[in-house]
C-alpha atoms as a PDB file:
ATOM      1  CA  MET A   1       1.492  -7.987  12.852  1.00  0.00           C
ATOM      2  CA  THR A   2       4.365 -10.398  13.455  1.00  0.00           C
ATOM      3  CA  GLN A   3       4.314 -14.168  13.822  1.00  0.00           C
ATOM      4  CA  THR A   4       5.327 -13.802  17.483  1.00  0.00           C
ATOM      5  CA  VAL A   5       2.405 -11.463  18.203  1.00  0.00           C
ATOM      6  CA  ALA A   6       0.051 -13.905  16.448  1.00  0.00           C
ATOM      7  CA  ALA A   7       1.335 -16.733  18.670  1.00  0.00           C
ATOM      8  CA  ILE A   8       0.784 -14.563  21.756  1.00  0.00           C
ATOM      9  CA  ILE A   9      -2.771 -13.834  20.595  1.00  0.00           C
ATOM     10  CA  TRP A  10      -3.374 -17.580  20.234  1.00  0.00           C
ATOM     11  CA  ALA A  11      -2.027 -18.182  23.766  1.00  0.00           C
ATOM     12  CA  ILE A  12      -4.170 -15.382  25.223  1.00  0.00           C
ATOM     13  CA  GLY A  13      -7.188 -16.992  23.545  1.00  0.00           C
ATOM     14  CA  LEU A  14      -6.438 -20.306  25.248  1.00  0.00           C
ATOM     15  CA  LEU A  15      -6.087 -18.608  28.641  1.00  0.00           C
ATOM     16  CA  ALA A  16      -9.293 -16.603  28.079  1.00  0.00           C
ATOM     17  CA  TRP A  17     -11.132 -19.818  27.159  1.00  0.00           C
ATOM     18  CA  ALA A  18     -10.009 -21.374  30.461  1.00  0.00           C
ATOM     19  CA  ALA A  19     -10.965 -18.260  32.429  1.00  0.00           C
ATOM     20  CA  ILE A  20     -14.465 -18.248  30.906  1.00  0.00           C
ATOM     21  CA  ARG A  21     -14.984 -22.004  31.309  1.00  0.00           C
ATOM     22  CA  TYR A  22     -13.643 -22.508  34.854  1.00  0.00           C
ATOM     23  CA  PRO A  23     -16.413 -20.847  36.935  1.00  0.00           C
ATOM     24  CA  HIS A  24     -19.131 -22.556  34.914  1.00  0.00           C
ATOM     25  CA  GLN A  25     -17.440 -25.928  35.315  1.00  0.00           C
ATOM     26  CA  ARG A  26     -17.178 -25.410  39.081  1.00  0.00           C
ATOM     27  CA  HIS A  27     -20.835 -24.428  39.322  1.00  0.00           C
ATOM     28  CA  ALA A  28     -21.970 -27.354  37.147  1.00  0.00           C
ATOM     29  CA  ARG A  29     -20.351 -29.871  39.514  1.00  0.00           C
ATOM     30  CA  ARG A  30     -22.769 -28.782  42.251  1.00  0.00           C
ATOM     31  CA  ILE A  31     -25.925 -29.457  40.215  1.00  0.00           C
ATOM     32  CA  ARG A  32     -27.316 -32.994  40.347  1.00  0.00           C
ATOM     33  CA  VAL A  33     -27.154 -34.998  37.099  1.00  0.00           C
ATOM     34  CA  VAL A  34     -30.412 -36.809  36.280  1.00  0.00           C
ATOM     35  CA  SER A  35     -29.389 -38.313  32.915  1.00  0.00           C
ATOM     36  CA  ASP A  36     -25.892 -39.131  31.712  1.00  0.00           C
ATOM     37  CA  SER A  37     -25.231 -40.127  28.076  1.00  0.00           C
ATOM     38  CA  ARG A  38     -21.451 -40.013  28.231  1.00  0.00           C
ATOM     39  CA  SER A  39     -19.582 -42.793  26.463  1.00  0.00           C
ATOM     40  CA  LEU A  40     -16.053 -43.771  25.523  1.00  0.00           C
ATOM     41  CA  THR A  41     -16.648 -42.218  22.091  1.00  0.00           C
ATOM     42  CA  ASP A  42     -17.659 -38.953  23.757  1.00  0.00           C
ATOM     43  CA  ARG A  43     -14.525 -38.940  25.905  1.00  0.00           C
ATOM     44  CA  LEU A  44     -12.280 -39.717  22.923  1.00  0.00           C
ATOM     45  CA  ALA A  45     -13.933 -36.952  20.872  1.00  0.00           C
ATOM     46  CA  LEU A  46     -13.397 -34.472  23.709  1.00  0.00           C
ATOM     47  CA  GLY A  47      -9.764 -35.618  23.860  1.00  0.00           C
ATOM     48  CA  ALA A  48      -9.371 -35.022  20.116  1.00  0.00           C
ATOM     49  CA  ALA A  49     -10.653 -31.455  20.500  1.00  0.00           C
ATOM     50  CA  THR A  50      -8.318 -30.852  23.448  1.00  0.00           C
ATOM     51  CA  ALA A  51      -5.350 -32.216  21.507  1.00  0.00           C
ATOM     52  CA  GLY A  52      -6.141 -30.161  18.420  1.00  0.00           C
ATOM     53  CA  LEU A  53      -6.935 -26.889  20.163  1.00  0.00           C
ATOM     54  CA  ALA A  54      -4.381 -26.993  22.992  1.00  0.00           C
ATOM     55  CA  VAL A  55      -1.857 -29.844  23.206  1.00  0.00           C
ATOM     56  CA  ILE A  56      -0.528 -29.863  19.633  1.00  0.00           C
ATOM     57  CA  PRO A  57      -0.295 -26.043  19.370  1.00  0.00           C
ATOM     58  CA  ILE A  58       1.483 -25.825  22.747  1.00  0.00           C
ATOM     59  CA  ILE A  59       4.024 -28.437  21.613  1.00  0.00           C
ATOM     60  CA  TYR A  60       4.513 -26.531  18.353  1.00  0.00           C
ATOM     61  CA  LEU A  61       4.966 -23.162  20.073  1.00  0.00           C
ATOM     62  CA  SER A  62       7.325 -24.508  22.728  1.00  0.00           C
ATOM     63  CA  THR A  63       9.478 -26.756  20.496  1.00  0.00           C
ATOM     64  CA  GLY A  64       8.905 -25.656  16.887  1.00  0.00           C
ATOM     65  CA  PHE A  65       7.959 -29.240  15.988  1.00  0.00           C
ATOM     66  CA  PRO A  66       7.114 -30.056  13.214  1.00  0.00           C
ATOM     67  CA  ALA A  67       9.134 -27.287  11.530  1.00  0.00           C
ATOM     68  CA  LEU A  68       8.880 -29.051   8.157  1.00  0.00           C
ATOM     69  CA  ALA A  69       5.171 -28.125   8.115  1.00  0.00           C
ATOM     70  CA  ASN A  70       5.796 -24.380   8.544  1.00  0.00           C
ATOM     71  CA  TYR A  71       4.674 -21.922   5.888  1.00  0.00           C
ATOM     72  CA  VAL A  72       5.282 -18.199   5.460  1.00  0.00           C
ATOM     73  CA  PHE A  73       3.327 -16.024   7.889  1.00  0.00           C
ATOM     74  CA  ARG A  74       1.726 -12.888   6.465  1.00  0.00           C
ATOM     75  CA  PRO A  75       0.594  -9.983   8.693  1.00  0.00           C
ATOM     76  CA  TRP A  76      -2.976 -10.127   7.331  1.00  0.00           C
ATOM     77  CA  MET A  77      -3.259 -13.698   8.657  1.00  0.00           C
ATOM     78  CA  GLY A  78      -2.646 -12.435  12.167  1.00  0.00           C
ATOM     79  CA  TRP A  79      -5.284  -9.717  11.854  1.00  0.00           C
ATOM     80  CA  VAL A  80      -7.861 -12.167  10.502  1.00  0.00           C
ATOM     81  CA  GLY A  81      -6.951 -14.626  13.264  1.00  0.00           C
ATOM     82  CA  LEU A  82      -7.358 -11.909  15.894  1.00  0.00           C
ATOM     83  CA  ALA A  83     -10.792 -10.893  14.582  1.00  0.00           C
ATOM     84  CA  VAL A  84     -12.007 -14.505  14.452  1.00  0.00           C
ATOM     85  CA  GLU A  85     -10.571 -15.241  17.914  1.00  0.00           C
ATOM     86  CA  LEU A  86     -12.409 -12.240  19.379  1.00  0.00           C
ATOM     87  CA  GLY A  87     -15.606 -13.547  17.780  1.00  0.00           C
ATOM     88  CA  PHE A  88     -14.956 -16.974  19.297  1.00  0.00           C
ATOM     89  CA  LEU A  89     -14.425 -15.574  22.798  1.00  0.00           C
ATOM     90  CA  LEU A  90     -17.493 -13.321  22.667  1.00  0.00           C
ATOM     91  CA  LEU A  91     -19.679 -16.178  21.435  1.00  0.00           C
ATOM     92  CA  PHE A  92     -18.198 -18.648  23.932  1.00  0.00           C
ATOM     93  CA  HIS A  93     -18.811 -16.272  26.856  1.00  0.00           C
ATOM     94  CA  ALA A  94     -22.355 -15.408  25.733  1.00  0.00           C
ATOM     95  CA  THR A  95     -23.215 -19.080  25.269  1.00  0.00           C
ATOM     96  CA  HIS A  96     -22.124 -19.947  28.810  1.00  0.00           C
ATOM     97  CA  ARG A  97     -24.073 -17.022  30.255  1.00  0.00           C
ATOM     98  CA  GLN A  98     -27.230 -17.932  28.366  1.00  0.00           C
ATOM     99  CA  LEU A  99     -27.073 -21.634  29.225  1.00  0.00           C
ATOM    100  CA  GLY A 100     -26.456 -20.935  32.902  1.00  0.00           C
ATOM    101  CA  ARG A 101     -27.186 -23.973  35.058  1.00  0.00           C
ATOM    102  CA  ASN A 102     -28.145 -26.020  31.973  1.00  0.00           C
ATOM    103  CA  TRP A 103     -24.538 -26.209  30.769  1.00  0.00           C
ATOM    104  CA  SER A 104     -22.464 -29.368  31.046  1.00  0.00           C
ATOM    105  CA  VAL A 105     -19.071 -30.258  29.606  1.00  0.00           C
ATOM    106  CA  SER A 106     -20.425 -33.698  28.686  1.00  0.00           C
ATOM    107  CA  LEU A 107     -23.694 -35.244  27.599  1.00  0.00           C
ATOM    108  CA  GLU A 108     -25.768 -34.735  30.760  1.00  0.00           C
ATOM    109  CA  ILE A 109     -29.222 -33.529  31.714  1.00  0.00           C
ATOM    110  CA  ARG A 110     -29.181 -31.759  35.061  1.00  0.00           C
ATOM    111  CA  ASP A 111     -31.745 -31.254  37.787  1.00  0.00           C
ATOM    112  CA  ASP A 112     -34.405 -28.706  36.672  1.00  0.00           C
ATOM    113  CA  HIS A 113     -32.905 -28.672  33.183  1.00  0.00           C
ATOM    114  CA  ARG A 114     -34.792 -26.473  30.758  1.00  0.00           C
ATOM    115  CA  LEU A 115     -34.627 -26.102  27.006  1.00  0.00           C
ATOM    116  CA  VAL A 116     -32.968 -22.764  26.226  1.00  0.00           C
ATOM    117  CA  THR A 117     -34.444 -21.223  23.061  1.00  0.00           C
ATOM    118  CA  ASP A 118     -33.841 -17.496  23.563  1.00  0.00           C
ATOM    119  CA  GLY A 119     -30.814 -15.254  22.999  1.00  0.00           C
ATOM    120  CA  LEU A 120     -28.295 -16.916  20.678  1.00  0.00           C
ATOM    121  CA  TYR A 121     -30.361 -20.090  20.895  1.00  0.00           C
ATOM    122  CA  ARG A 122     -33.118 -18.380  18.916  1.00  0.00           C
ATOM    123  CA  PHE A 123     -30.885 -18.709  15.874  1.00  0.00           C
ATOM    124  CA  VAL A 124     -28.757 -21.832  16.400  1.00  0.00           C
ATOM    125  CA  ARG A 125     -29.140 -24.916  18.578  1.00  0.00           C
ATOM    126  CA  HIS A 126     -25.431 -25.289  19.318  1.00  0.00           C
ATOM    127  CA  PRO A 127     -23.674 -21.897  19.511  1.00  0.00           C
ATOM    128  CA  MET A 128     -21.027 -23.472  21.760  1.00  0.00           C
ATOM    129  CA  TYR A 129     -19.966 -25.659  18.825  1.00  0.00           C
ATOM    130  CA  SER A 130     -20.120 -22.567  16.594  1.00  0.00           C
ATOM    131  CA  SER A 131     -17.621 -20.919  18.943  1.00  0.00           C
ATOM    132  CA  PHE A 132     -15.307 -23.946  18.787  1.00  0.00           C
ATOM    133  CA  TRP A 133     -15.351 -23.824  14.977  1.00  0.00           C
ATOM    134  CA  LEU A 134     -14.373 -20.135  15.180  1.00  0.00           C
ATOM    135  CA  TRP A 135     -11.571 -20.971  17.617  1.00  0.00           C
ATOM    136  CA  ALA A 136     -10.203 -23.590  15.222  1.00  0.00           C
ATOM    137  CA  ILE A 137     -10.390 -21.168  12.273  1.00  0.00           C
ATOM    138  CA  ALA A 138      -8.562 -18.501  14.306  1.00  0.00           C
ATOM    139  CA  GLN A 139      -5.842 -21.035  15.140  1.00  0.00           C
ATOM    140  CA  ALA A 140      -5.388 -21.846  11.455  1.00  0.00           C
ATOM    141  CA  PHE A 141      -4.662 -18.159  10.770  1.00  0.00           C
ATOM    142  CA  LEU A 142      -2.529 -17.502  13.860  1.00  0.00           C
ATOM    143  CA  LEU A 143      -0.189 -20.526  13.716  1.00  0.00           C
ATOM    144  CA  PRO A 144       1.563 -20.823  10.314  1.00  0.00           C
ATOM    145  CA  ASN A 145       2.118 -24.562  10.429  1.00  0.00           C
ATOM    146  CA  TRP A 146       0.089 -27.071   8.414  1.00  0.00           C
ATOM    147  CA  PHE A 147       0.024 -29.519  11.324  1.00  0.00           C
ATOM    148  CA  ALA A 148      -0.396 -27.284  14.393  1.00  0.00           C
ATOM    149  CA  GLY A 149      -2.491 -24.648  12.633  1.00  0.00           C
ATOM    150  CA  LEU A 150      -4.985 -27.133  11.230  1.00  0.00           C
ATOM    151  CA  ALA A 151      -5.003 -29.482  14.232  1.00  0.00           C
ATOM    152  CA  GLY A 152      -7.815 -27.437  15.770  1.00  0.00           C
ATOM    153  CA  LEU A 153     -10.060 -27.905  12.736  1.00  0.00           C
ATOM    154  CA  ALA A 154      -9.399 -31.656  12.768  1.00  0.00           C
ATOM    155  CA  GLY A 155     -10.029 -31.908  16.522  1.00  0.00           C
ATOM    156  CA  VAL A 156     -13.230 -29.862  16.407  1.00  0.00           C
ATOM    157  CA  ALA A 157     -14.488 -31.865  13.405  1.00  0.00           C
ATOM    158  CA  ILE A 158     -13.991 -35.139  15.285  1.00  0.00           C
ATOM    159  CA  PHE A 159     -15.630 -33.687  18.400  1.00  0.00           C
ATOM    160  CA  TYR A 160     -18.573 -32.184  16.534  1.00  0.00           C
ATOM    161  CA  PHE A 161     -19.420 -35.110  14.281  1.00  0.00           C
ATOM    162  CA  ALA A 162     -18.971 -37.691  17.054  1.00  0.00           C
ATOM    163  CA  ARG A 163     -21.106 -35.781  19.513  1.00  0.00           C
ATOM    164  CA  VAL A 164     -23.737 -33.451  18.075  1.00  0.00           C
ATOM    165  CA  GLY A 165     -26.101 -36.210  16.927  1.00  0.00           C
ATOM    166  CA  LYS A 166     -25.969 -37.896  20.331  1.00  0.00           C
ATOM    167  CA  GLU A 167     -26.544 -34.568  22.052  1.00  0.00           C
ATOM    168  CA  GLU A 168     -29.613 -33.938  19.922  1.00  0.00           C
ATOM    169  CA  ASP A 169     -30.931 -37.459  20.632  1.00  0.00           C
ATOM    170  CA  MET A 170     -30.518 -36.746  24.359  1.00  0.00           C
ATOM    171  CA  MET A 171     -32.430 -33.469  24.020  1.00  0.00           C
ATOM    172  CA  ARG A 172     -35.213 -35.155  22.045  1.00  0.00           C
ATOM    173  CA  ALA A 173     -35.523 -37.796  24.757  1.00  0.00           C
ATOM    174  CA  ALA A 174     -35.693 -35.108  27.460  1.00  0.00           C
ATOM    175  CA  PHE A 175     -37.919 -32.535  25.710  1.00  0.00           C
ATOM    176  CA  GLY A 176     -39.770 -34.484  23.007  1.00  0.00           C
ATOM    177  CA  LYS A 177     -41.943 -32.448  20.635  1.00  0.00           C
ATOM    178  CA  GLU A 178     -40.769 -29.166  22.113  1.00  0.00           C
ATOM    179  CA  TYR A 179     -37.233 -29.975  20.939  1.00  0.00           C
ATOM    180  CA  GLU A 180     -38.467 -31.249  17.563  1.00  0.00           C
ATOM    181  CA  ALA A 181     -40.263 -27.936  16.926  1.00  0.00           C
ATOM    182  CA  TYR A 182     -37.212 -25.992  18.073  1.00  0.00           C
ATOM    183  CA  ALA A 183     -34.882 -28.030  15.828  1.00  0.00           C
ATOM    184  CA  ALA A 184     -37.155 -27.450  12.828  1.00  0.00           C
ATOM    185  CA  ARG A 185     -36.781 -23.665  13.076  1.00  0.00           C
ATOM    186  CA  THR A 186     -33.060 -23.394  13.909  1.00  0.00           C
ATOM    187  CA  GLY A 187     -29.746 -24.397  12.372  1.00  0.00           C
ATOM    188  CA  ARG A 188     -27.226 -26.531  14.244  1.00  0.00           C
ATOM    189  CA  VAL A 189     -24.265 -24.125  14.227  1.00  0.00           C
ATOM    190  CA  VAL A 190     -25.172 -21.614  11.499  1.00  0.00           C
ATOM    191  CA  PRO A 191     -28.450 -19.640  11.616  1.00  0.00           C
ATOM    192  CA  LEU A 192     -31.202 -21.145   9.486  1.00  0.00           C
ATOM    193  CA  PHE A 193     -32.908 -18.557   7.311  1.00  0.00           C
ATOM    194  CA  LYS A 194     -36.104 -19.668   5.630  1.00  0.00           C
ATOM    195  CA  ARG A 195     -37.936 -17.833   2.881  1.00  0.00           C
ATOM    196  CA  GLY A 196     -40.197 -15.210   4.329  1.00  0.00           C
ATOM    197  CA  ASP A 197     -38.093 -14.813   7.518  1.00  0.00           C
END
């Protein structure tokens, strides 16, 4: 695999992300919000993820800046990046399908919101964040630049650590002991395996 093909794979991943997200975002706008926990911190964290996963890589691919941070691309990096990106897209799509009307781009509880605990959610509480971590890892393999390649990991880290605790507090407030029991048996983004499972 060449560096150009790897860059094209990254770009296709971005377009596929948008194609998966768009119909769910349109549908979500039509469902009444009953609780909104959005804040400036949440918006800034979302902006950091957007910058790291889209804006900085697009600038790098269109201008070559910052070329001083480039490193040698190896074909195996592209193949690993492709495999991880496919995993990201499959997980991202499945997460949206399983959340259905319960999904929101921000910290919101919607009308008739229910706690989803089946499918992927049997194993992890936040598979959407798991998919974003995979996307950032794929980017690190596909874009051989210390700044642009790793910008996704930095953006997702800011997004995740600024938001996941608040999201869980919101779910505890909405679902109480049901969420507590669910959280005790699942991992946040990696499956939780207990002895005897």
